[in-house]
Amino acid sequence: MNDLRTVAIRAGEAADAESISMLILELAERFVLPEFSAEGRERFSTAHTPAAIAALMESGYRYHVAECGGELVGVRLSGPQGAG
């Protein structure tokens, strides 16, 4: 059961790329990007598009997502599988 008190963590999938991007960019806009230069904001935003996230997944990077009440509430990125 996944209600509003339960957080489920699972491996991210390519189908999650858009939601992952939206969460990262929304939070970054509020908490991180105001400290960046215009160039830094552009580079960060470009690196976190759905296509960029999907490409990282395809190259072996792993995302884990946290969901609560059917909504994505957290994300974690770990290095490529087989590294280290």
Protein backbone atom coordinates (compact mmCIF):
# COMPACT_ATOMS: atom_id res chain seq x y z
CA MET A 1 0.00 0.00 0.00
CA ASN A 2 1.36 3.42 -0.94
CA ASP A 3 -0.49 6.10 1.05
CA LEU A 4 0.60 9.58 2.08
CA ARG A 5 2.56 8.22 5.06
CA THR A 6 4.51 5.65 3.10
CA VAL A 7 7.58 6.38 1.03
CA ALA A 8 8.55 3.70 -1.47
CA ILE A 9 12.06 3.60 -2.89
CA ARG A 10 12.78 1.81 -6.12
CA ALA A 11 15.22 1.75 -9.01
CA GLY A 12 14.51 4.47 -11.54
CA GLU A 13 13.56 3.52 -15.08
CA ALA A 14 13.81 5.34 -18.40
CA ALA A 15 10.09 6.15 -18.09
CA ASP A 16 10.94 8.18 -14.95
CA ALA A 17 13.35 10.54 -16.75
CA GLU A 18 10.79 13.31 -17.22
CA SER A 19 9.62 13.21 -13.60
CA ILE A 20 13.20 13.06 -12.33
CA SER A 21 14.11 16.07 -14.45
CA MET A 22 11.10 18.04 -13.27
CA LEU A 23 11.84 17.37 -9.59
CA ILE A 24 15.54 18.23 -9.89
CA LEU A 25 14.92 21.40 -11.90
CA GLU A 26 12.06 22.62 -9.68
CA LEU A 27 14.13 22.21 -6.51
CA ALA A 28 17.27 23.61 -8.11
CA GLU A 29 15.38 26.70 -9.29
CA ARG A 30 14.28 27.37 -5.74
CA PHE A 31 17.35 26.41 -3.73
CA VAL A 32 20.46 26.19 -5.93
CA LEU A 33 20.30 28.06 -9.21
CA PRO A 34 19.90 31.56 -7.74
CA GLU A 35 23.54 31.23 -6.61
CA PHE A 36 24.76 30.29 -10.11
CA SER A 37 25.88 32.56 -12.91
CA ALA A 38 23.69 32.69 -16.02
CA GLU A 39 26.11 30.29 -17.72
CA GLY A 40 26.04 27.95 -14.73
CA ARG A 41 22.22 27.92 -14.67
CA GLU A 42 22.14 27.07 -18.37
CA ARG A 43 24.70 24.28 -18.01
CA PHE A 44 22.89 22.81 -14.99
CA SER A 45 19.52 22.93 -16.74
CA THR A 46 20.92 21.33 -19.88
CA ALA A 47 22.53 18.55 -17.85
CA HIS A 48 19.20 17.70 -16.19
CA THR A 49 16.78 17.49 -19.11
CA PRO A 50 14.80 14.27 -19.49
CA ALA A 51 17.00 13.34 -22.47
CA ALA A 52 20.20 13.91 -20.47
CA ILE A 53 18.90 11.81 -17.58
CA ALA A 54 17.83 9.02 -19.93
CA ALA A 55 21.28 9.11 -21.56
CA LEU A 56 22.96 8.74 -18.15
CA MET A 57 20.74 5.75 -17.40
CA GLU A 58 21.63 4.19 -20.75
CA SER A 59 25.33 4.66 -20.03
CA GLY A 60 25.10 2.75 -16.75
CA TYR A 61 24.32 5.42 -14.15
CA ARG A 62 21.59 4.42 -11.73
CA TYR A 63 18.84 6.56 -10.30
CA HIS A 64 16.76 5.56 -7.33
CA VAL A 65 13.47 7.33 -6.81
CA ALA A 66 11.31 7.87 -3.75
CA GLU A 67 7.56 8.04 -4.19
CA CYS A 68 4.84 9.01 -1.75
CA GLY A 69 1.18 8.96 -2.60
CA GLY A 70 2.04 8.23 -6.23
CA GLU A 71 4.22 11.35 -6.50
CA LEU A 72 7.98 11.50 -6.99
CA VAL A 73 9.43 13.12 -3.85
CA GLY A 74 13.13 12.24 -4.03
CA VAL A 75 15.88 11.02 -6.30
CA ARG A 76 19.43 9.73 -5.92
CA LEU A 77 22.05 9.21 -8.59
CA SER A 78 24.88 6.71 -8.24
CA GLY A 79 27.83 6.13 -10.55
CA PRO A 80 27.92 3.69 -13.42
CA GLN A 81 27.33 0.05 -12.62
CA GLY A 82 30.55 -1.86 -12.32
CA ALA A 83 32.56 1.23 -11.34
CA GLY A 84 34.70 1.09 -8.21
